C-alpha atoms as a PDB file:
ATOM      1  CA  MET A   1       3.154  28.793 -36.040  1.00  0.00           C
ATOM      2  CA  ILE A   2       3.382  28.404 -32.285  1.00  0.00           C
ATOM      3  CA  LEU A   3       3.462  25.131 -30.378  1.00  0.00           C
ATOM      4  CA  HIS A   4       0.863  24.943 -27.595  1.00  0.00           C
ATOM      5  CA  PRO A   5       1.724  22.147 -25.132  1.00  0.00           C
ATOM      6  CA  ALA A   6      -1.496  20.788 -23.653  1.00  0.00           C
ATOM      7  CA  ILE A   7      -2.198  20.304 -19.974  1.00  0.00           C
ATOM      8  CA  ASP A   8      -5.530  18.546 -19.443  1.00  0.00           C
ATOM      9  CA  ILE A   9      -6.576  18.490 -15.783  1.00  0.00           C
ATOM     10  CA  LEU A  10      -8.857  15.761 -14.459  1.00  0.00           C
ATOM     11  CA  GLU A  11      -9.388  15.103 -10.757  1.00  0.00           C
ATOM     12  CA  GLY A  12      -6.373  17.272  -9.983  1.00  0.00           C
ATOM     13  CA  LYS A  13      -3.948  15.431 -12.260  1.00  0.00           C
ATOM     14  CA  ALA A  14      -2.472  16.080 -15.707  1.00  0.00           C
ATOM     15  CA  VAL A  15      -3.924  13.427 -18.002  1.00  0.00           C
ATOM     16  CA  ARG A  16      -4.547  12.602 -21.632  1.00  0.00           C
ATOM     17  CA  LEU A  17      -7.735  11.031 -22.917  1.00  0.00           C
ATOM     18  CA  ALA A  18      -8.134   8.844 -25.976  1.00  0.00           C
ATOM     19  CA  ARG A  19     -10.759  10.198 -28.394  1.00  0.00           C
ATOM     20  CA  GLY A  20     -12.325  12.256 -25.631  1.00  0.00           C
ATOM     21  CA  ASP A  21     -13.252   9.184 -23.575  1.00  0.00           C
ATOM     22  CA  PHE A  22     -13.065  10.032 -19.866  1.00  0.00           C
ATOM     23  CA  GLU A  23     -12.649   6.353 -19.045  1.00  0.00           C
ATOM     24  CA  ALA A  24      -9.672   6.008 -21.413  1.00  0.00           C
ATOM     25  CA  ARG A  25      -7.295   8.229 -19.511  1.00  0.00           C
ATOM     26  CA  THR A  26      -3.562   8.130 -18.836  1.00  0.00           C
ATOM     27  CA  VAL A  27      -2.165  10.066 -15.879  1.00  0.00           C
ATOM     28  CA  TYR A  28       1.166  11.690 -16.691  1.00  0.00           C
ATOM     29  CA  ASP A  29       1.668  14.069 -13.756  1.00  0.00           C
ATOM     30  CA  ALA A  30       0.116  13.903 -10.316  1.00  0.00           C
ATOM     31  CA  ASP A  31       0.564  17.677 -10.171  1.00  0.00           C
ATOM     32  CA  PRO A  32      -0.293  19.674 -13.352  1.00  0.00           C
ATOM     33  CA  LEU A  33       2.156  22.360 -12.262  1.00  0.00           C
ATOM     34  CA  ASP A  34       4.996  19.903 -12.859  1.00  0.00           C
ATOM     35  CA  ALA A  35       3.914  19.556 -16.487  1.00  0.00           C
ATOM     36  CA  ALA A  36       3.547  23.322 -16.896  1.00  0.00           C
ATOM     37  CA  GLN A  37       7.022  24.035 -15.545  1.00  0.00           C
ATOM     38  CA  ARG A  38       8.548  21.246 -17.614  1.00  0.00           C
ATOM     39  CA  TRP A  39       7.105  22.592 -20.859  1.00  0.00           C
ATOM     40  CA  VAL A  40       8.041  26.194 -20.104  1.00  0.00           C
ATOM     41  CA  ASN A  41      11.555  25.247 -19.014  1.00  0.00           C
ATOM     42  CA  SER A  42      11.851  23.391 -22.329  1.00  0.00           C
ATOM     43  CA  GLY A  43      10.981  26.521 -24.300  1.00  0.00           C
ATOM     44  CA  ALA A  44       7.178  26.653 -24.540  1.00  0.00           C
ATOM     45  CA  ARG A  45       5.928  30.118 -25.459  1.00  0.00           C
ATOM     46  CA  VAL A  46       2.320  29.478 -24.386  1.00  0.00           C
ATOM     47  CA  LEU A  47       0.331  26.773 -22.579  1.00  0.00           C
ATOM     48  CA  HIS A  48      -3.061  25.295 -23.455  1.00  0.00           C
ATOM     49  CA  VAL A  49      -4.816  24.220 -20.252  1.00  0.00           C
ATOM     50  CA  VAL A  50      -8.140  22.359 -20.197  1.00  0.00           C
ATOM     51  CA  ASP A  51     -10.243  21.798 -17.090  1.00  0.00           C
ATOM     52  CA  LEU A  52     -11.701  18.404 -18.024  1.00  0.00           C
ATOM     53  CA  ASP A  53     -13.775  18.252 -14.840  1.00  0.00           C
ATOM     54  CA  GLY A  54     -15.255  21.593 -15.837  1.00  0.00           C
ATOM     55  CA  ALA A  55     -15.934  20.391 -19.375  1.00  0.00           C
ATOM     56  CA  ARG A  56     -17.694  17.288 -18.057  1.00  0.00           C
ATOM     57  CA  HIS A  57     -19.808  19.008 -15.415  1.00  0.00           C
ATOM     58  CA  GLY A  58     -20.391  22.413 -17.016  1.00  0.00           C
ATOM     59  CA  THR A  59     -18.678  24.652 -14.482  1.00  0.00           C
ATOM     60  CA  PRO A  60     -14.974  25.248 -13.723  1.00  0.00           C
ATOM     61  CA  ALA A  61     -13.527  22.866 -11.147  1.00  0.00           C
ATOM     62  CA  ASN A  62      -9.780  23.509 -11.326  1.00  0.00           C
ATOM     63  CA  LEU A  63      -9.358  27.263 -11.108  1.00  0.00           C
ATOM     64  CA  ASP A  64      -7.012  26.757  -8.171  1.00  0.00           C
ATOM     65  CA  GLN A  65      -4.716  24.766 -10.450  1.00  0.00           C
ATOM     66  CA  ILE A  66      -4.943  27.476 -13.118  1.00  0.00           C
ATOM     67  CA  GLU A  67      -3.947  30.090 -10.555  1.00  0.00           C
ATOM     68  CA  ARG A  68      -0.975  28.021  -9.362  1.00  0.00           C
ATOM     69  CA  ILE A  69       0.263  27.585 -12.931  1.00  0.00           C
ATOM     70  CA  ALA A  70      -0.244  31.251 -13.828  1.00  0.00           C
ATOM     71  CA  HIS A  71       1.767  32.386 -10.814  1.00  0.00           C
ATOM     72  CA  ALA A  72       4.581  29.933 -11.483  1.00  0.00           C
ATOM     73  CA  VAL A  73       5.249  30.452 -15.211  1.00  0.00           C
ATOM     74  CA  ASP A  74       5.919  33.537 -17.294  1.00  0.00           C
ATOM     75  CA  VAL A  75       4.094  32.661 -20.511  1.00  0.00           C
ATOM     76  CA  PRO A  76       0.498  33.216 -21.665  1.00  0.00           C
ATOM     77  CA  ILE A  77      -2.014  30.582 -20.598  1.00  0.00           C
ATOM     78  CA  GLN A  78      -5.021  29.664 -22.690  1.00  0.00           C
ATOM     79  CA  VAL A  79      -7.744  28.097 -20.528  1.00  0.00           C
ATOM     80  CA  GLY A  80     -10.898  26.168 -21.390  1.00  0.00           C
ATOM     81  CA  GLY A  81     -13.319  23.740 -19.825  1.00  0.00           C
ATOM     82  CA  GLY A  82     -16.711  24.523 -18.293  1.00  0.00           C
ATOM     83  CA  LEU A  83     -16.739  28.224 -19.198  1.00  0.00           C
ATOM     84  CA  ARG A  84     -20.472  28.477 -19.794  1.00  0.00           C
ATOM     85  CA  SER A  85     -21.335  31.694 -17.963  1.00  0.00           C
ATOM     86  CA  VAL A  86     -20.022  35.247 -17.947  1.00  0.00           C
ATOM     87  CA  ALA A  87     -19.058  34.799 -14.291  1.00  0.00           C
ATOM     88  CA  ALA A  88     -17.065  31.645 -15.073  1.00  0.00           C
ATOM     89  CA  VAL A  89     -15.155  33.473 -17.810  1.00  0.00           C
ATOM     90  CA  ARG A  90     -14.347  36.322 -15.435  1.00  0.00           C
ATOM     91  CA  ASP A  91     -13.206  33.853 -12.785  1.00  0.00           C
ATOM     92  CA  ALA A  92     -10.867  32.141 -15.250  1.00  0.00           C
ATOM     93  CA  ILE A  93      -9.312  35.453 -16.242  1.00  0.00           C
ATOM     94  CA  SER A  94      -8.979  36.437 -12.588  1.00  0.00           C
ATOM     95  CA  ALA A  95      -7.206  33.115 -11.982  1.00  0.00           C
ATOM     96  CA  GLY A  96      -4.617  34.025 -14.603  1.00  0.00           C
ATOM     97  CA  ALA A  97      -5.966  32.987 -18.004  1.00  0.00           C
ATOM     98  CA  THR A  98      -4.594  35.158 -20.789  1.00  0.00           C
ATOM     99  CA  ARG A  99      -7.205  33.796 -23.181  1.00  0.00           C
ATOM    100  CA  VAL A 100     -10.396  31.854 -22.511  1.00  0.00           C
ATOM    101  CA  VAL A 101     -11.614  28.982 -24.666  1.00  0.00           C
ATOM    102  CA  LEU A 102     -15.370  28.616 -24.987  1.00  0.00           C
ATOM    103  CA  GLY A 103     -17.085  25.461 -26.166  1.00  0.00           C
ATOM    104  CA  THR A 104     -20.678  24.307 -25.767  1.00  0.00           C
ATOM    105  CA  ALA A 105     -22.094  27.590 -24.499  1.00  0.00           C
ATOM    106  CA  ALA A 106     -20.776  29.488 -27.528  1.00  0.00           C
ATOM    107  CA  TYR A 107     -23.091  27.474 -29.785  1.00  0.00           C
ATOM    108  CA  ARG A 108     -26.099  27.211 -27.498  1.00  0.00           C
ATOM    109  CA  ASP A 109     -26.341  30.706 -26.010  1.00  0.00           C
ATOM    110  CA  VAL A 110     -25.687  33.549 -28.432  1.00  0.00           C
ATOM    111  CA  ASP A 111     -26.439  36.163 -25.782  1.00  0.00           C
ATOM    112  CA  PHE A 112     -23.683  34.708 -23.617  1.00  0.00           C
ATOM    113  CA  LEU A 113     -21.286  34.612 -26.560  1.00  0.00           C
ATOM    114  CA  ASP A 114     -22.079  38.184 -27.567  1.00  0.00           C
ATOM    115  CA  GLU A 115     -21.559  39.434 -24.017  1.00  0.00           C
ATOM    116  CA  VAL A 116     -18.237  37.645 -23.579  1.00  0.00           C
ATOM    117  CA  VAL A 117     -16.933  38.834 -26.970  1.00  0.00           C
ATOM    118  CA  ALA A 118     -18.019  42.400 -26.192  1.00  0.00           C
ATOM    119  CA  GLU A 119     -16.333  42.312 -22.773  1.00  0.00           C
ATOM    120  CA  HIS A 120     -13.148  40.398 -23.570  1.00  0.00           C
ATOM    121  CA  SER A 121     -12.700  40.808 -27.332  1.00  0.00           C
ATOM    122  CA  ASP A 122      -9.497  39.190 -28.613  1.00  0.00           C
ATOM    123  CA  ARG A 123      -9.056  37.206 -25.391  1.00  0.00           C
ATOM    124  CA  VAL A 124     -11.920  34.956 -26.520  1.00  0.00           C
ATOM    125  CA  VAL A 125     -11.257  31.713 -28.404  1.00  0.00           C
ATOM    126  CA  VAL A 126     -13.979  29.261 -29.432  1.00  0.00           C
ATOM    127  CA  SER A 127     -13.206  25.569 -29.672  1.00  0.00           C
ATOM    128  CA  VAL A 128     -14.883  23.700 -32.504  1.00  0.00           C
ATOM    129  CA  ASP A 129     -14.554  20.026 -31.615  1.00  0.00           C
ATOM    130  CA  ALA A 130     -15.563  17.595 -34.324  1.00  0.00           C
ATOM    131  CA  ARG A 131     -15.846  13.905 -35.140  1.00  0.00           C
ATOM    132  CA  HIS A 132     -15.473  13.247 -38.848  1.00  0.00           C
ATOM    133  CA  GLY A 133     -16.046  16.941 -39.525  1.00  0.00           C
ATOM    134  CA  ARG A 134     -19.273  17.205 -37.465  1.00  0.00           C
ATOM    135  CA  LEU A 135     -19.639  19.274 -34.297  1.00  0.00           C
ATOM    136  CA  ALA A 136     -19.544  17.532 -30.906  1.00  0.00           C
ATOM    137  CA  SER A 137     -20.432  19.360 -27.695  1.00  0.00           C
ATOM    138  CA  ALA A 138     -20.898  18.994 -23.923  1.00  0.00           C
ATOM    139  CA  GLY A 139     -17.367  17.832 -23.285  1.00  0.00           C
ATOM    140  CA  TRP A 140     -17.360  15.840 -26.553  1.00  0.00           C
ATOM    141  CA  ARG A 141     -20.160  13.597 -25.275  1.00  0.00           C
ATOM    142  CA  GLU A 142     -22.955  14.899 -27.528  1.00  0.00           C
ATOM    143  CA  GLN A 143     -22.635  14.407 -31.273  1.00  0.00           C
ATOM    144  CA  THR A 144     -24.417  16.576 -33.845  1.00  0.00           C
ATOM    145  CA  GLU A 145     -24.707  16.487 -37.621  1.00  0.00           C
ATOM    146  CA  ILE A 146     -23.675  20.123 -38.002  1.00  0.00           C
ATOM    147  CA  PRO A 147     -20.659  20.541 -40.329  1.00  0.00           C
ATOM    148  CA  ALA A 148     -17.723  22.304 -38.702  1.00  0.00           C
ATOM    149  CA  GLU A 149     -17.510  24.729 -41.620  1.00  0.00           C
ATOM    150  CA  LEU A 150     -21.031  25.984 -40.858  1.00  0.00           C
ATOM    151  CA  VAL A 151     -20.101  26.490 -37.203  1.00  0.00           C
ATOM    152  CA  PHE A 152     -17.128  28.659 -38.175  1.00  0.00           C
ATOM    153  CA  GLU A 153     -19.353  30.722 -40.455  1.00  0.00           C
ATOM    154  CA  ARG A 154     -21.957  31.329 -37.755  1.00  0.00           C
ATOM    155  CA  LEU A 155     -19.400  32.180 -35.090  1.00  0.00           C
ATOM    156  CA  GLY A 156     -17.590  34.516 -37.456  1.00  0.00           C
ATOM    157  CA  HIS A 157     -20.810  36.448 -37.975  1.00  0.00           C
ATOM    158  CA  ARG A 158     -20.918  37.026 -34.223  1.00  0.00           C
ATOM    159  CA  GLY A 159     -17.429  38.515 -34.125  1.00  0.00           C
ATOM    160  CA  VAL A 160     -15.331  35.504 -33.134  1.00  0.00           C
ATOM    161  CA  ARG A 161     -11.905  35.632 -34.764  1.00  0.00           C
ATOM    162  CA  SER A 162      -9.872  33.019 -32.855  1.00  0.00           C
ATOM    163  CA  PHE A 163     -10.617  29.303 -32.810  1.00  0.00           C
ATOM    164  CA  VAL A 164      -9.355  25.875 -31.848  1.00  0.00           C
ATOM    165  CA  TYR A 165     -10.236  22.998 -34.156  1.00  0.00           C
ATOM    166  CA  SER A 166      -9.996  19.579 -32.477  1.00  0.00           C
ATOM    167  CA  SER A 167     -10.267  16.333 -34.406  1.00  0.00           C
ATOM    168  CA  ILE A 168     -11.768  14.107 -31.707  1.00  0.00           C
ATOM    169  CA  GLU A 169     -11.284  10.788 -33.476  1.00  0.00           C
ATOM    170  CA  ARG A 170      -7.537  11.532 -33.655  1.00  0.00           C
ATOM    171  CA  ASP A 171      -7.146  13.039 -30.195  1.00  0.00           C
ATOM    172  CA  GLY A 172      -4.714  11.051 -28.060  1.00  0.00           C
ATOM    173  CA  MET A 173      -4.324   8.369 -30.733  1.00  0.00           C
ATOM    174  CA  LEU A 174      -0.944   9.436 -32.194  1.00  0.00           C
ATOM    175  CA  SER A 175      -2.383   8.747 -35.637  1.00  0.00           C
ATOM    176  CA  GLY A 176      -1.188  11.944 -37.341  1.00  0.00           C
ATOM    177  CA  PRO A 177      -3.221  14.915 -38.589  1.00  0.00           C
ATOM    178  CA  ASP A 178      -5.619  14.808 -41.518  1.00  0.00           C
ATOM    179  CA  LEU A 179      -3.991  17.395 -43.776  1.00  0.00           C
ATOM    180  CA  ASP A 180      -6.949  17.573 -46.158  1.00  0.00           C
ATOM    181  CA  GLU A 181      -9.188  18.306 -43.182  1.00  0.00           C
ATOM    182  CA  VAL A 182      -6.852  21.059 -42.039  1.00  0.00           C
ATOM    183  CA  LEU A 183      -7.015  22.657 -45.481  1.00  0.00           C
ATOM    184  CA  ARG A 184     -10.824  22.532 -45.426  1.00  0.00           C
ATOM    185  CA  ILE A 185     -10.903  24.186 -42.028  1.00  0.00           C
ATOM    186  CA  ALA A 186      -8.383  26.841 -43.075  1.00  0.00           C
ATOM    187  CA  ALA A 187     -10.632  27.708 -46.018  1.00  0.00           C
ATOM    188  CA  ALA A 188     -13.639  28.064 -43.681  1.00  0.00           C
ATOM    189  CA  VAL A 189     -12.058  30.131 -40.891  1.00  0.00           C
ATOM    190  CA  ARG A 190     -12.221  33.900 -41.138  1.00  0.00           C
ATOM    191  CA  GLY A 191      -9.654  34.670 -38.492  1.00  0.00           C
ATOM    192  CA  ARG A 192      -7.015  32.390 -37.012  1.00  0.00           C
ATOM    193  CA  PHE A 193      -7.110  28.900 -35.576  1.00  0.00           C
ATOM    194  CA  LEU A 194      -5.119  26.265 -33.735  1.00  0.00           C
ATOM    195  CA  TYR A 195      -5.197  22.633 -34.810  1.00  0.00           C
ATOM    196  CA  SER A 196      -5.366  19.759 -32.326  1.00  0.00           C
ATOM    197  CA  GLY A 197      -5.487  16.028 -32.883  1.00  0.00           C
ATOM    198  CA  GLY A 198      -3.196  13.087 -33.509  1.00  0.00           C
ATOM    199  CA  ILE A 199       0.230  14.722 -33.615  1.00  0.00           C
ATOM    200  CA  ALA A 200       2.777  11.920 -33.184  1.00  0.00           C
ATOM    201  CA  THR A 201       6.034  12.915 -34.871  1.00  0.00           C
ATOM    202  CA  LEU A 202       8.092  15.897 -35.931  1.00  0.00           C
ATOM    203  CA  ALA A 203       7.154  14.976 -39.494  1.00  0.00           C
ATOM    204  CA  ASP A 204       3.506  15.632 -38.596  1.00  0.00           C
ATOM    205  CA  LEU A 205       4.386  19.132 -37.443  1.00  0.00           C
ATOM    206  CA  GLU A 206       6.542  19.756 -40.489  1.00  0.00           C
ATOM    207  CA  ALA A 207       3.694  18.643 -42.752  1.00  0.00           C
ATOM    208  CA  LEU A 208       1.312  21.089 -41.090  1.00  0.00           C
ATOM    209  CA  ALA A 209       3.838  23.907 -41.400  1.00  0.00           C
ATOM    210  CA  ARG A 210       4.397  23.123 -45.094  1.00  0.00           C
ATOM    211  CA  LEU A 211       0.694  23.735 -45.748  1.00  0.00           C
ATOM    212  CA  ARG A 212       1.568  27.430 -45.275  1.00  0.00           C
ATOM    213  CA  GLN A 213      -1.958  28.412 -44.282  1.00  0.00           C
ATOM    214  CA  VAL A 214      -1.634  31.964 -42.989  1.00  0.00           C
ATOM    215  CA  ASN A 215      -4.585  31.557 -40.611  1.00  0.00           C
ATOM    216  CA  LEU A 216      -3.205  28.372 -39.008  1.00  0.00           C
ATOM    217  CA  ALA A 217      -1.565  30.058 -36.030  1.00  0.00           C
ATOM    218  CA  GLY A 218      -0.421  27.059 -34.040  1.00  0.00           C
ATOM    219  CA  VAL A 219      -0.712  23.428 -33.055  1.00  0.00           C
ATOM    220  CA  ILE A 220      -1.791  21.917 -29.741  1.00  0.00           C
ATOM    221  CA  VAL A 221       0.237  18.854 -28.763  1.00  0.00           C
ATOM    222  CA  GLY A 222      -0.209  16.632 -25.740  1.00  0.00           C
ATOM    223  CA  LYS A 223       0.471  12.911 -25.726  1.00  0.00           C
ATOM    224  CA  ALA A 224       3.494  13.011 -28.039  1.00  0.00           C
ATOM    225  CA  LEU A 225       5.236  15.447 -25.676  1.00  0.00           C
ATOM    226  CA  TYR A 226       4.318  13.504 -22.556  1.00  0.00           C
ATOM    227  CA  GLU A 227       5.661  10.305 -24.080  1.00  0.00           C
ATOM    228  CA  GLY A 228       8.918  11.927 -25.154  1.00  0.00           C
ATOM    229  CA  ARG A 229       8.541  11.479 -28.894  1.00  0.00           C
ATOM    230  CA  PHE A 230      10.125  14.900 -29.309  1.00  0.00           C
ATOM    231  CA  THR A 231      10.943  17.913 -27.172  1.00  0.00           C
ATOM    232  CA  VAL A 232       9.230  21.278 -27.040  1.00  0.00           C
ATOM    233  CA  ALA A 233      12.270  22.862 -28.689  1.00  0.00           C
ATOM    234  CA  GLN A 234      12.317  20.300 -31.503  1.00  0.00           C
ATOM    235  CA  ALA A 235       8.594  20.749 -32.090  1.00  0.00           C
ATOM    236  CA  GLN A 236       8.833  24.536 -32.276  1.00  0.00           C
ATOM    237  CA  ALA A 237      11.781  24.275 -34.655  1.00  0.00           C
ATOM    238  CA  ALA A 238       9.746  21.971 -36.911  1.00  0.00           C
ATOM    239  CA  LEU A 239       6.937  24.529 -37.021  1.00  0.00           C
ATOM    240  CA  ASP A 240       9.394  27.367 -37.696  1.00  0.00           C
ATOM    241  CA  GLU A 241      11.374  25.706 -40.488  1.00  0.00           C
ATOM    242  CA  PRO A 242       9.163  26.531 -43.534  1.00  0.00           C
ATOM    243  CA  ALA A 243       9.067  30.195 -42.494  1.00  0.00           C
ATOM    244  CA  ARG A 244      12.859  30.246 -42.382  1.00  0.00           C
ATOM    245  CA  GLY A 245      12.930  28.782 -45.850  1.00  0.00           C
ATOM    246  CA  LEU A 246      10.707  31.567 -47.163  1.00  0.00           C
ATOM    247  CA  GLY A 247      13.163  34.207 -45.950  1.00  0.00           C
ATOM    248  CA  LYS A 248      11.833  37.749 -45.624  1.00  0.00           C
ATOM    249  CA  ALA A 249       8.545  36.899 -47.331  1.00  0.00           C
ATOM    250  CA  GLY A 250       7.898  34.147 -44.814  1.00  0.00           C
ATOM    251  CA  LYS A 251       8.643  36.430 -41.887  1.00  0.00           C
ATOM    252  CA  GLY A 252       6.177  38.945 -43.208  1.00  0.00           C
ATOM    253  CA  ALA A 253       3.472  36.335 -43.539  1.00  0.00           C
ATOM    254  CA  ARG A 254       4.003  35.154 -39.955  1.00  0.00           C
ATOM    255  CA  HIS A 255       4.006  38.694 -38.629  1.00  0.00           C
ATOM    256  CA  ALA A 256       0.628  39.294 -40.303  1.00  0.00           C
ATOM    257  CA  LEU A 257      -0.963  36.832 -37.879  1.00  0.00           C
END
């Protein structure tokens, strides 16, 4: 599994929200590029960047920041937030996004989703953000009663193979992951997914790695890194450890992703 340090951009700054609440924000870096360079210099293999202004208003607002980060670091950048049109997706890729993360529009506009998947294929990731296992949309502000498992099934039928699953009630709370929930999601996903929500300690990462779910490709971590609870290198080592223990068999399983 691969650690994905999170950089959430709001009003030009790197912040973290608590449970998706835009009013419950903590600013960690006045310049998001500082966070990006810090994580990469510490060993990050990829960055997960979210344009929170874009997510809130429905159109990208921080592509200039994405471009600055892409030019300054030599790792893939996964970008989401406000990508609700084909043009917005193209603009994000032009700004330097290696992969694009779709949210609300992927559920509401199948023609848009089909066009983006046809044009960009494996560069497309869909974020399934849920409270208590039920889909939330529109920058986490609108709650539905649709089970996340059903969302994965429907998206899979439209050719989506890469996902992010975010547990909103745990996001930014340092409360640890719900391992049973992760197992349920792993059983529902036909493809690969990243987990996000509540990571607080190295033990949390180790517990996720010990689940040995071959389609759990990585973990997104934000607040715990910003607050220095562990380093990027320590986190990646925690995610790597079970694979080392499996020896050659483990390496084969990881390579299959």
